[in-house]
Amino acid sequence: MSPITTHVLDTAKGCPAADIAVTLEYLDAGSWQQIAKGTTDTDGRIMDWMKGDAQAGEYRITFATNSYHQGKGFFPCVTINFTIENPQQHYHVPLLLSPFSFSTYRGS
């Protein structure tokens, strides 16, 4: 399993959000570097998209939600920035999504 994982749940439909394109980036010397990309599976998850260990520092995950909502959602994408202080820990970043709102938290 990757040191950073994600899970997208569609709270409006009450089910996982499959087929959402997702990118993971790391802030390196003031510039964002893409380190992984993937698409959520039928359970709305990306579990094995990153090889190796995470590093301490700032990351961001961008979810391409416009195509999932077929152009009818308010947010064309959702970007979540987060900081890793202890690279030995697992970091799970879930996204709870509807066409007009979203929320997140640090999962386990």
C-alpha atoms as a PDB file:
ATOM      1  CA  MET A   1       0.000   0.000   0.000  1.00  0.00           C
ATOM      2  CA  SER A   2       1.158   3.537  -0.748  1.00  0.00           C
ATOM      3  CA  PRO A   3       2.179   5.804   2.132  1.00  0.00           C
ATOM      4  CA  ILE A   4      -0.504   8.242   0.886  1.00  0.00           C
ATOM      5  CA  THR A   5      -3.937   6.940  -0.096  1.00  0.00           C
ATOM      6  CA  THR A   6      -7.332   8.446  -0.892  1.00  0.00           C
ATOM      7  CA  HIS A   7     -10.989   7.493  -1.022  1.00  0.00           C
ATOM      8  CA  VAL A   8     -13.820   9.474  -2.647  1.00  0.00           C
ATOM      9  CA  LEU A   9     -17.408   9.033  -1.495  1.00  0.00           C
ATOM     10  CA  ASP A  10     -20.357  10.644  -3.263  1.00  0.00           C
ATOM     11  CA  THR A  11     -22.536  11.810  -0.379  1.00  0.00           C
ATOM     12  CA  ALA A  12     -25.377  12.876  -2.691  1.00  0.00           C
ATOM     13  CA  LYS A  13     -25.690   9.388  -4.192  1.00  0.00           C
ATOM     14  CA  GLY A  14     -24.571   7.482  -1.108  1.00  0.00           C
ATOM     15  CA  CYS A  15     -21.898   5.470  -2.910  1.00  0.00           C
ATOM     16  CA  PRO A  16     -18.194   5.454  -3.833  1.00  0.00           C
ATOM     17  CA  ALA A  17     -17.148   7.828  -6.619  1.00  0.00           C
ATOM     18  CA  ALA A  18     -15.433   5.755  -9.312  1.00  0.00           C
ATOM     19  CA  ASP A  19     -13.399   6.943 -12.306  1.00  0.00           C
ATOM     20  CA  ILE A  20     -12.218  10.274 -10.904  1.00  0.00           C
ATOM     21  CA  ALA A  21      -8.773  11.311 -12.146  1.00  0.00           C
ATOM     22  CA  VAL A  22      -6.503  12.299  -9.267  1.00  0.00           C
ATOM     23  CA  THR A  23      -2.996  13.779  -9.140  1.00  0.00           C
ATOM     24  CA  LEU A  24      -0.617  13.923  -6.198  1.00  0.00           C
ATOM     25  CA  GLU A  25       2.048  16.623  -6.051  1.00  0.00           C
ATOM     26  CA  TYR A  26       4.927  17.509  -3.727  1.00  0.00           C
ATOM     27  CA  LEU A  27       6.231  21.037  -3.102  1.00  0.00           C
ATOM     28  CA  ASP A  28       9.941  20.880  -3.932  1.00  0.00           C
ATOM     29  CA  ALA A  29      11.985  24.079  -3.598  1.00  0.00           C
ATOM     30  CA  GLY A  30       8.913  26.245  -4.199  1.00  0.00           C
ATOM     31  CA  SER A  31       7.677  24.330  -7.248  1.00  0.00           C
ATOM     32  CA  TRP A  32       4.941  21.671  -7.400  1.00  0.00           C
ATOM     33  CA  GLN A  33       6.168  18.338  -8.771  1.00  0.00           C
ATOM     34  CA  GLN A  34       3.713  15.626  -9.799  1.00  0.00           C
ATOM     35  CA  ILE A  35       4.704  12.405  -8.052  1.00  0.00           C
ATOM     36  CA  ALA A  36       1.679  10.221  -8.806  1.00  0.00           C
ATOM     37  CA  LYS A  37      -1.546  10.097 -10.752  1.00  0.00           C
ATOM     38  CA  GLY A  38      -4.373   7.634 -10.909  1.00  0.00           C
ATOM     39  CA  THR A  39      -8.091   7.057 -11.187  1.00  0.00           C
ATOM     40  CA  THR A  40     -10.400   6.003  -8.392  1.00  0.00           C
ATOM     41  CA  ASP A  41     -11.466   2.360  -8.610  1.00  0.00           C
ATOM     42  CA  THR A  42     -15.032   1.022  -8.313  1.00  0.00           C
ATOM     43  CA  ASP A  43     -14.799   1.491  -4.539  1.00  0.00           C
ATOM     44  CA  GLY A  44     -13.670   5.128  -4.995  1.00  0.00           C
ATOM     45  CA  ARG A  45     -10.148   4.355  -3.785  1.00  0.00           C
ATOM     46  CA  ILE A  46      -6.545   4.814  -4.879  1.00  0.00           C
ATOM     47  CA  MET A  47      -4.351   2.654  -2.672  1.00  0.00           C
ATOM     48  CA  ASP A  48      -1.219   1.847  -4.728  1.00  0.00           C
ATOM     49  CA  TRP A  49      -0.301   4.900  -6.742  1.00  0.00           C
ATOM     50  CA  MET A  50       2.957   5.897  -5.095  1.00  0.00           C
ATOM     51  CA  LYS A  51       6.215   3.939  -5.091  1.00  0.00           C
ATOM     52  CA  GLY A  52       8.641   4.253  -2.211  1.00  0.00           C
ATOM     53  CA  ASP A  53       8.328   6.322   0.926  1.00  0.00           C
ATOM     54  CA  ALA A  54       6.822   9.736   1.460  1.00  0.00           C
ATOM     55  CA  GLN A  55       9.017  12.654   2.489  1.00  0.00           C
ATOM     56  CA  ALA A  56       8.280  15.273   5.101  1.00  0.00           C
ATOM     57  CA  GLY A  57       6.824  18.381   3.496  1.00  0.00           C
ATOM     58  CA  GLU A  58       3.809  19.864   1.757  1.00  0.00           C
ATOM     59  CA  TYR A  59       1.621  17.888  -0.642  1.00  0.00           C
ATOM     60  CA  ARG A  60      -1.532  18.482  -2.621  1.00  0.00           C
ATOM     61  CA  ILE A  61      -4.082  16.155  -4.146  1.00  0.00           C
ATOM     62  CA  THR A  62      -6.278  17.382  -7.010  1.00  0.00           C
ATOM     63  CA  PHE A  63      -9.479  15.551  -7.899  1.00  0.00           C
ATOM     64  CA  ALA A  64     -10.892  16.221 -11.399  1.00  0.00           C
ATOM     65  CA  THR A  65     -14.557  16.299 -10.374  1.00  0.00           C
ATOM     66  CA  ASN A  66     -16.057  18.083 -13.393  1.00  0.00           C
ATOM     67  CA  SER A  67     -16.318  14.988 -15.581  1.00  0.00           C
ATOM     68  CA  TYR A  68     -17.642  12.932 -12.652  1.00  0.00           C
ATOM     69  CA  HIS A  69     -20.511  15.420 -12.225  1.00  0.00           C
ATOM     70  CA  GLN A  70     -20.908  15.566 -16.023  1.00  0.00           C
ATOM     71  CA  GLY A  71     -20.257  19.318 -16.012  1.00  0.00           C
ATOM     72  CA  LYS A  72     -23.171  20.010 -13.640  1.00  0.00           C
ATOM     73  CA  GLY A  73     -21.253  20.433 -10.397  1.00  0.00           C
ATOM     74  CA  PHE A  74     -20.166  23.700  -8.862  1.00  0.00           C
ATOM     75  CA  PHE A  75     -16.514  22.683  -8.355  1.00  0.00           C
ATOM     76  CA  PRO A  76     -14.666  21.625 -11.545  1.00  0.00           C
ATOM     77  CA  CYS A  77     -11.888  20.270  -9.350  1.00  0.00           C
ATOM     78  CA  VAL A  78     -11.104  19.894  -5.669  1.00  0.00           C
ATOM     79  CA  THR A  79      -7.586  20.484  -4.377  1.00  0.00           C
ATOM     80  CA  ILE A  80      -6.524  19.501  -0.869  1.00  0.00           C
ATOM     81  CA  ASN A  81      -3.198  20.668   0.537  1.00  0.00           C
ATOM     82  CA  PHE A  82      -1.700  18.841   3.508  1.00  0.00           C
ATOM     83  CA  THR A  83       1.590  18.515   5.370  1.00  0.00           C
ATOM     84  CA  ILE A  84       3.463  15.353   6.255  1.00  0.00           C
ATOM     85  CA  GLU A  85       5.551  15.706   9.390  1.00  0.00           C
ATOM     86  CA  ASN A  86       6.294  12.022  10.034  1.00  0.00           C
ATOM     87  CA  PRO A  87       7.015  10.102   6.805  1.00  0.00           C
ATOM     88  CA  GLN A  88       6.879   6.778   8.696  1.00  0.00           C
ATOM     89  CA  GLN A  89       3.118   7.179   9.202  1.00  0.00           C
ATOM     90  CA  HIS A  90       0.377   6.351   6.703  1.00  0.00           C
ATOM     91  CA  TYR A  91      -1.600   9.333   5.394  1.00  0.00           C
ATOM     92  CA  HIS A  92      -5.152   8.740   4.161  1.00  0.00           C
ATOM     93  CA  VAL A  93      -6.924  11.735   2.607  1.00  0.00           C
ATOM     94  CA  PRO A  94     -10.636  11.016   1.977  1.00  0.00           C
ATOM     95  CA  LEU A  95     -12.929  13.280  -0.004  1.00  0.00           C
ATOM     96  CA  LEU A  96     -16.662  13.461   0.720  1.00  0.00           C
ATOM     97  CA  LEU A  97     -18.215  14.895  -2.422  1.00  0.00           C
ATOM     98  CA  SER A  98     -21.514  16.181  -3.796  1.00  0.00           C
ATOM     99  CA  PRO A  99     -22.168  18.448  -6.803  1.00  0.00           C
ATOM    100  CA  PHE A 100     -22.253  21.553  -4.580  1.00  0.00           C
ATOM    101  CA  SER A 101     -20.045  20.768  -1.581  1.00  0.00           C
ATOM    102  CA  PHE A 102     -17.102  18.752  -0.341  1.00  0.00           C
ATOM    103  CA  SER A 103     -15.290  17.997   2.882  1.00  0.00           C
ATOM    104  CA  THR A 104     -12.205  16.093   3.952  1.00  0.00           C
ATOM    105  CA  TYR A 105     -10.383  14.899   7.042  1.00  0.00           C
ATOM    106  CA  ARG A 106      -7.268  12.942   7.943  1.00  0.00           C
ATOM    107  CA  GLY A 107      -8.320   9.330   7.751  1.00  0.00           C
ATOM    108  CA  SER A 108      -6.641   6.225   9.080  1.00  0.00           C
END
